[in-house]
Protein backbone atom coordinates (compact mmCIF):
# COMPACT_ATOMS: atom_id res chain seq x y z
CA MET A 1 -0.10 -0.31 0.06
CA THR A 2 3.37 2.24 0.83
CA ARG A 3 4.91 1.62 -2.48
CA LYS A 4 1.53 2.01 -4.03
CA ALA A 5 0.83 5.48 -2.41
CA GLU A 6 4.21 6.65 -3.29
CA ALA A 7 3.72 5.68 -6.82
CA GLY A 8 0.63 7.57 -7.40
CA ALA A 9 1.97 10.40 -5.84
CA ALA A 10 5.29 10.89 -8.10
CA HIS A 11 2.68 10.22 -10.66
CA VAL A 12 0.62 13.58 -9.78
CA VAL A 13 3.82 15.10 -8.99
CA SER A 14 4.78 14.71 -12.74
CA GLY A 15 1.86 15.66 -14.20
CA ALA A 16 1.40 18.84 -12.45
CA GLY A 17 4.67 19.71 -13.78
CA SER A 18 3.83 18.50 -17.08
CA VAL A 19 1.00 20.88 -16.52
CA SER A 20 2.58 23.59 -15.52
CA GLY A 21 5.08 23.05 -18.34
CA ALA A 22 1.81 23.25 -21.00
CA CYS A 23 0.50 26.52 -18.78
CA ALA A 24 4.18 28.39 -18.84
CA THR A 25 4.28 27.21 -22.95
CA LEU A 26 1.02 28.77 -23.63
CA GLY A 27 1.82 31.47 -21.24
CA ALA A 28 4.43 32.33 -23.85
CA GLY A 29 2.52 31.79 -26.86
CA GLY A 30 -0.30 33.82 -25.54
CA ALA A 31 1.85 36.55 -24.60
CA ARG A 32 3.11 36.14 -28.42
CA ASP A 33 -0.44 36.27 -29.21
CA VAL A 34 -1.73 39.44 -27.60
CA ARG A 35 2.35 41.11 -28.83
CA ALA A 36 0.81 40.27 -32.08
CA ALA A 37 -2.96 40.92 -31.57
CA PRO A 38 -2.31 44.86 -32.42
CA SER A 39 -1.08 43.99 -35.76
CA ALA A 40 -3.48 41.83 -36.21
CA ARG A 41 -6.65 44.41 -35.12
CA THR A 42 -5.01 46.85 -37.14
CA ALA A 43 -4.81 44.46 -39.87
CA SER A 44 -8.25 43.54 -39.76
CA GLY A 45 -9.66 46.80 -39.08
CA THR A 46 -8.00 47.95 -42.18
CA GLY A 47 -9.29 45.23 -44.32
CA VAL A 48 -12.92 45.99 -42.93
CA ALA A 49 -12.55 49.58 -43.53
CA SER A 50 -11.10 48.95 -46.97
CA GLY A 51 -13.58 50.82 -48.56
CA ALA A 52 -13.48 53.71 -46.23
CA ARG A 53 -11.38 56.74 -47.18
CA MET A 54 -8.17 57.31 -44.89
CA THR A 55 -6.39 60.34 -44.56
CA PRO A 56 -2.95 60.36 -44.91
CA SER A 57 -2.16 60.64 -41.13
CA GLY A 58 -4.85 56.93 -40.82
CA LYS A 59 -7.79 58.39 -39.32
CA LEU A 60 -10.81 57.92 -41.18
CA ARG A 61 -12.39 60.36 -43.19
CA VAL A 62 -15.76 61.33 -42.33
CA HIS A 63 -16.88 64.08 -45.37
CA VAL A 64 -16.36 61.57 -48.46
CA ALA A 65 -17.45 62.73 -51.71
CA ASN A 66 -20.16 60.55 -52.83
CA ALA A 67 -23.01 61.03 -56.06
CA SER A 68 -25.04 62.33 -53.29
CA ASN A 69 -22.87 64.94 -51.83
CA VAL A 70 -22.02 66.21 -55.29
CA ALA A 71 -25.37 66.78 -56.86
CA LEU A 72 -26.38 68.65 -53.40
CA TRP A 73 -23.37 71.05 -53.69
CA LEU A 74 -23.59 70.94 -57.46
CA VAL A 75 -27.77 72.22 -56.86
CA ILE A 76 -26.53 74.88 -54.40
CA GLY A 77 -23.65 76.15 -56.63
CA VAL A 78 -26.00 76.52 -59.35
CA LEU A 79 -28.75 78.07 -57.36
CA ALA A 80 -26.03 80.52 -55.74
CA VAL A 81 -24.74 81.39 -59.32
CA LEU A 82 -28.31 81.99 -60.57
CA THR A 83 -29.30 84.48 -57.41
CA VAL A 84 -26.35 86.55 -57.89
CA GLY A 85 -26.58 86.65 -61.09
CA THR A 86 -30.37 87.70 -61.35
CA MET A 87 -29.39 90.61 -58.33
CA ALA A 88 -26.73 91.41 -60.64
CA THR A 89 -28.70 91.56 -63.82
CA MET A 90 -31.96 93.11 -62.69
CA ASP A 91 -33.90 96.24 -64.08
CA TYR A 92 -33.82 98.45 -60.48
CA GLY A 93 -35.20 101.41 -62.45
CA LYS A 94 -34.03 104.63 -60.91
CA VAL A 95 -33.48 103.06 -57.29
CA ALA A 96 -30.05 102.46 -55.84
CA PHE A 97 -29.84 98.60 -54.65
CA PHE A 98 -27.12 99.37 -52.35
CA ASP A 99 -28.66 102.15 -50.57
CA ALA A 100 -32.15 101.17 -50.24
CA LEU A 101 -31.06 97.82 -49.19
CA ALA A 102 -29.36 100.21 -46.43
CA GLU A 103 -32.55 102.09 -45.78
CA ALA A 104 -34.34 98.70 -45.12
CA CYS A 105 -32.05 97.79 -42.79
CA ALA A 106 -31.94 101.02 -40.89
CA ASP A 107 -36.10 101.00 -41.01
CA PHE A 108 -35.68 97.17 -40.04
CA ALA A 109 -33.38 98.35 -36.70
CA ASP A 110 -35.79 101.47 -36.21
CA MET A 111 -38.69 99.19 -35.95
CA MET A 112 -37.46 96.47 -34.11
CA LEU A 113 -35.30 98.47 -31.65
CA THR A 114 -38.03 100.98 -30.97
CA PRO A 115 -42.01 99.62 -31.38
CA GLY A 116 -44.83 101.21 -29.77
CA LEU A 117 -47.74 102.91 -30.19
CA SER A 118 -48.15 106.18 -32.48
CA GLY A 119 -51.99 106.69 -31.38
CA HIS A 120 -53.62 104.71 -34.69
CA PHE A 121 -54.57 101.72 -32.03
CA THR A 122 -55.00 101.46 -28.29
CA LEU A 123 -52.81 98.56 -26.52
CA VAL A 124 -56.48 97.00 -25.64
CA ASP A 125 -57.30 96.86 -29.38
CA VAL A 126 -53.89 95.34 -29.80
CA VAL A 127 -54.03 92.84 -26.89
CA VAL A 128 -57.86 92.10 -27.96
CA GLY A 129 -56.94 91.43 -31.78
CA LEU A 130 -54.33 89.10 -30.55
CA PHE A 131 -56.90 86.90 -28.74
CA VAL A 132 -58.93 87.33 -31.40
CA SER A 133 -56.42 85.50 -33.71
CA LEU A 134 -55.54 83.04 -31.24
CA ALA A 135 -59.25 81.98 -30.61
CA LEU A 136 -59.75 81.61 -34.37
CA ALA A 137 -56.06 79.08 -34.56
CA LEU A 138 -57.67 77.80 -31.50
CA LEU A 139 -61.23 76.41 -33.10
CA THR A 140 -59.62 75.77 -36.17
CA THR A 141 -57.51 73.32 -35.12
CA PHE A 142 -59.42 71.70 -32.33
CA ILE A 143 -62.32 71.06 -34.82
CA GLY A 144 -59.99 69.99 -37.56
CA ALA A 145 -58.14 67.13 -34.88
CA ALA A 146 -61.62 66.23 -34.30
CA ILE A 147 -62.39 65.76 -37.85
CA ALA A 148 -58.87 64.90 -38.79
CA PHE A 149 -58.54 62.09 -36.62
CA VAL A 150 -62.31 60.16 -37.94
CA LEU A 151 -60.87 60.61 -41.42
CA GLY A 152 -57.27 59.43 -40.61
CA LEU A 153 -58.45 56.49 -39.02
CA LEU A 154 -60.75 55.53 -42.48
CA ALA A 155 -57.08 56.84 -44.49
CA ALA A 156 -55.01 54.33 -42.21
CA SER A 157 -54.38 51.18 -44.29
CA ASN A 158 -54.29 48.78 -41.58
CA LEU A 159 -57.97 49.52 -40.36
CA SER A 160 -59.56 51.00 -43.44
CA SER A 161 -60.33 49.26 -46.83
CA ARG A 162 -57.85 49.96 -50.04
CA ALA A 163 -60.41 51.82 -51.08
CA ALA A 164 -61.49 53.71 -48.76
CA SER A 165 -58.00 54.70 -47.83
CA ASN A 166 -56.84 55.88 -51.55
CA VAL A 167 -60.13 58.05 -52.23
CA ILE A 168 -59.40 59.97 -48.57
CA LYS A 169 -55.82 60.25 -49.39
CA ALA A 170 -56.17 61.40 -52.53
CA PHE A 171 -58.88 64.02 -51.65
CA MET A 172 -56.62 65.20 -48.88
CA SER A 173 -53.27 65.60 -51.61
CA VAL A 174 -55.23 67.99 -53.32
CA ALA A 175 -56.41 69.70 -50.51
CA ARG A 176 -53.50 70.49 -49.03
CA ALA A 177 -51.72 71.43 -52.41
CA VAL A 178 -53.76 74.56 -52.35
CA PRO A 179 -52.81 77.00 -50.19
CA THR A 180 -54.37 78.07 -46.86
CA ILE A 181 -54.51 81.67 -48.36
CA LEU A 182 -56.49 80.47 -51.29
CA TRP A 183 -58.81 78.77 -49.45
CA VAL A 184 -59.63 81.66 -47.66
CA MET A 185 -60.09 83.70 -50.76
CA VAL A 186 -62.21 80.95 -52.29
CA PHE A 187 -64.95 80.94 -49.22
CA ALA A 188 -64.63 84.53 -48.71
CA VAL A 189 -66.47 84.65 -52.69
CA ALA A 190 -68.45 81.90 -51.65
CA ILE A 191 -69.77 82.85 -48.14
CA GLY A 192 -68.50 86.78 -47.87
CA LEU A 193 -66.01 88.54 -46.05
CA GLY A 194 -65.89 87.78 -42.44
CA ALA A 195 -64.92 85.15 -39.39
CA GLU A 196 -66.95 82.72 -41.32
CA ALA A 197 -64.57 82.71 -44.05
CA ALA A 198 -61.27 82.74 -42.69
CA VAL A 199 -62.36 79.71 -40.07
CA ALA A 200 -63.75 77.76 -42.73
CA GLY A 201 -60.59 78.18 -45.16
CA LEU A 202 -58.37 77.03 -41.94
CA LEU A 203 -60.57 74.47 -40.77
CA PHE A 204 -60.41 72.93 -44.45
CA HIS A 205 -56.38 73.29 -44.98
CA SER A 206 -56.09 72.02 -41.29
CA VAL A 207 -57.88 68.51 -41.97
CA ALA A 208 -56.02 68.04 -45.06
CA TYR A 209 -52.83 68.89 -43.05
CA LEU A 210 -53.48 66.67 -40.35
CA VAL A 211 -55.48 63.46 -41.80
CA LYS A 212 -52.22 62.80 -43.69
CA ALA A 213 -50.13 63.27 -39.82
CA TYR A 214 -52.75 60.92 -38.06
CA SER A 215 -53.21 58.35 -41.06
CA GLU A 216 -49.18 57.65 -41.35
CA SER A 217 -48.72 57.63 -37.32
CA PHE A 218 -51.45 55.03 -37.18
CA GLU A 219 -50.19 53.09 -40.00
CA GLU A 220 -47.12 52.54 -38.06
CA VAL A 221 -48.90 50.95 -35.28
CA ASP A 222 -47.41 47.01 -34.58
CA ALA A 223 -49.60 45.06 -36.91
CA GLY A 224 -49.48 42.27 -34.28
CA VAL A 225 -51.02 44.41 -31.88
CA VAL A 226 -54.16 44.71 -34.21
CA GLU A 227 -54.30 41.21 -35.42
CA ALA A 228 -54.01 40.05 -31.60
CA LEU A 229 -57.06 42.19 -30.91
CA ARG A 230 -59.08 41.31 -33.73
CA ALA A 231 -58.23 37.93 -33.00
CA THR A 232 -60.07 38.38 -29.33
CA GLY A 233 -63.29 39.50 -31.30
CA ALA A 234 -62.88 42.93 -30.23
CA THR A 235 -64.72 45.24 -32.60
CA TRP A 236 -63.37 48.61 -34.74
CA TRP A 237 -63.64 50.77 -31.99
CA GLN A 238 -62.03 48.64 -29.51
CA VAL A 239 -58.83 48.19 -31.72
CA VAL A 240 -58.87 51.88 -32.27
CA ALA A 241 -58.88 52.76 -28.54
CA ARG A 242 -56.71 49.57 -26.94
CA GLY A 243 -54.34 49.48 -29.46
CA VAL A 244 -54.13 52.54 -31.71
CA VAL A 245 -54.77 55.34 -29.37
CA PRO A 246 -52.51 54.88 -26.65
CA GLU A 247 -49.68 53.80 -29.06
CA LYS A 248 -49.93 57.11 -30.64
CA VAL A 249 -51.48 59.81 -28.34
CA ASN A 250 -48.18 61.24 -28.22
CA GLU A 251 -47.56 61.88 -31.99
CA MET A 252 -50.94 63.38 -32.30
CA LEU A 253 -50.47 65.66 -29.93
CA SER A 254 -47.15 66.59 -31.28
CA TRP A 255 -48.95 67.04 -34.48
CA THR A 256 -51.89 69.38 -33.34
CA PHE A 257 -49.87 71.32 -31.94
CA ILE A 258 -47.53 71.83 -34.69
CA ARG A 259 -50.85 72.53 -36.36
CA PHE A 260 -52.13 75.39 -33.86
CA GLU A 261 -48.99 77.24 -34.22
CA ILE A 262 -49.36 76.98 -37.94
CA ASN A 263 -53.12 78.05 -37.64
CA PHE A 264 -51.82 81.31 -35.38
CA VAL A 265 -49.64 82.46 -38.32
CA ASN A 266 -52.40 81.76 -40.83
CA ALA A 267 -54.76 83.62 -38.79
CA VAL A 268 -52.65 86.67 -38.53
CA ALA A 269 -52.15 86.46 -42.19
CA VAL A 270 -55.73 85.91 -43.38
CA GLY A 271 -56.94 88.68 -40.67
CA ALA A 272 -56.72 91.61 -43.45
CA VAL A 273 -57.88 89.23 -46.48
CA ALA A 274 -60.43 87.86 -44.96
CA GLY A 275 -62.02 90.56 -42.76
CA ALA A 276 -61.87 88.53 -39.98
CA GLY A 277 -59.89 91.17 -38.06
CA GLY A 278 -57.72 89.92 -35.48
CA ILE A 279 -53.98 91.40 -35.31
CA GLY A 280 -53.50 90.56 -38.77
CA TYR A 281 -55.51 93.49 -39.86
CA GLN A 282 -54.05 95.56 -37.65
CA LEU A 283 -50.86 94.98 -38.62
CA PHE A 284 -52.03 95.65 -42.42
CA LEU A 285 -53.64 98.76 -41.38
CA ALA A 286 -50.28 99.81 -39.69
CA GLY A 287 -47.93 98.58 -42.45
CA SER A 288 -50.07 99.26 -45.30
CA PHE A 289 -52.07 102.17 -44.41
CA TYR A 290 -50.62 104.10 -42.25
CA TYR A 291 -46.79 103.10 -42.79
CA ASP A 292 -46.19 103.43 -38.79
CA ILE A 293 -43.04 100.82 -38.71
CA HIS A 294 -43.31 101.76 -34.75
CA GLU A 295 -46.34 99.90 -34.60
CA VAL A 296 -45.43 97.02 -36.76
CA GLY A 297 -42.26 96.02 -34.03
CA LEU A 298 -44.81 96.15 -31.17
CA ILE A 299 -47.21 93.78 -33.07
CA VAL A 300 -44.47 91.38 -34.30
CA TYR A 301 -43.11 91.57 -30.59
CA LEU A 302 -46.62 90.31 -29.48
CA CYS A 303 -46.54 87.51 -32.32
CA LEU A 304 -43.32 86.11 -31.38
CA ALA A 305 -44.00 86.18 -27.76
CA VAL A 306 -47.43 84.28 -28.20
CA ALA A 307 -45.23 82.07 -30.45
CA VAL A 308 -42.79 81.38 -27.86
CA VAL A 309 -45.54 80.78 -25.13
CA LEU A 310 -47.13 78.50 -27.41
CA GLU A 311 -44.03 76.20 -27.92
CA VAL A 312 -43.50 76.25 -23.81
CA VAL A 313 -46.93 75.05 -22.96
CA ALA A 314 -47.03 72.48 -26.26
CA THR A 315 -43.27 70.80 -24.60
CA ARG A 316 -44.29 71.15 -20.73
CA LEU A 317 -47.61 69.39 -21.40
CA ARG A 318 -46.21 66.42 -24.04
CA LYS A 319 -43.60 65.76 -21.12
CA ARG A 320 -45.77 65.25 -18.14
CA TYR A 321 -48.30 63.52 -20.63
CA VAL A 322 -44.94 61.02 -20.85
CA VAL A 323 -44.07 61.14 -17.54
CA GLN A 324 -47.82 60.22 -16.25
CA ARG A 325 -47.53 57.41 -19.11
């Protein structure tokens, strides 16, 4: 038993020695591999990036000239040349271009640096006109969003038939192709000047704009969710309420606020054209009738202030909604 134990111990010792020798050999080989790894990685990296452009210092070239970039810069260059050539060859009559440009810049600086009222309007009149334009934008946006929500569901290819989707999308494309100011003028001729024509024109274009935004958002809903709800026997409205609206309400909110800002700008623009009043009509009188750049400057600042407030409110509401969700 003693001899067998001694023989087994000797065998274990020899095995350990062979294992340690192997480990030493592998360690040396591993060290050689580690030392060779950077060059191998460099070579492989060069092989992977063989199609990329490199700088003389060995760095990857970020801006690579390709067909798209060349075409883009070519178009920009042609437009720049045409613009400069047109300005150089345009017949300005007896007006000295650079003198007129200097006077225009001076008037703009005077308008923006010294805004105020000159007696044509009171501050109450301007504020009331501002709220009239806001009310016009608010009314057309909310009514347009309600109509566009239903039409957007019917225009979404995953929620409606292909025929209904194509018809609605085609009709809305035609409606969007016509500018808002033209729709307002059409309704002004049809139903007469006033707030009604402005509301109808803004509403018509708002619905066409939001239908496209809503329908494309609805079409991005996961098809598996819609199919799972249909498989459980859910009705069409249940699929919309449970699978579509909860997933896309953030996008709908964003698109609606964007359209509200656009409608406010359009309400200011059509205030004089449609006879709807508001701050747009006062801007028209100050700029084209009284030629008072100080009053124009005040109205411009008020419109900018409203745009900033709308942006802040929209951002905070969206963040609050996302946090609550």
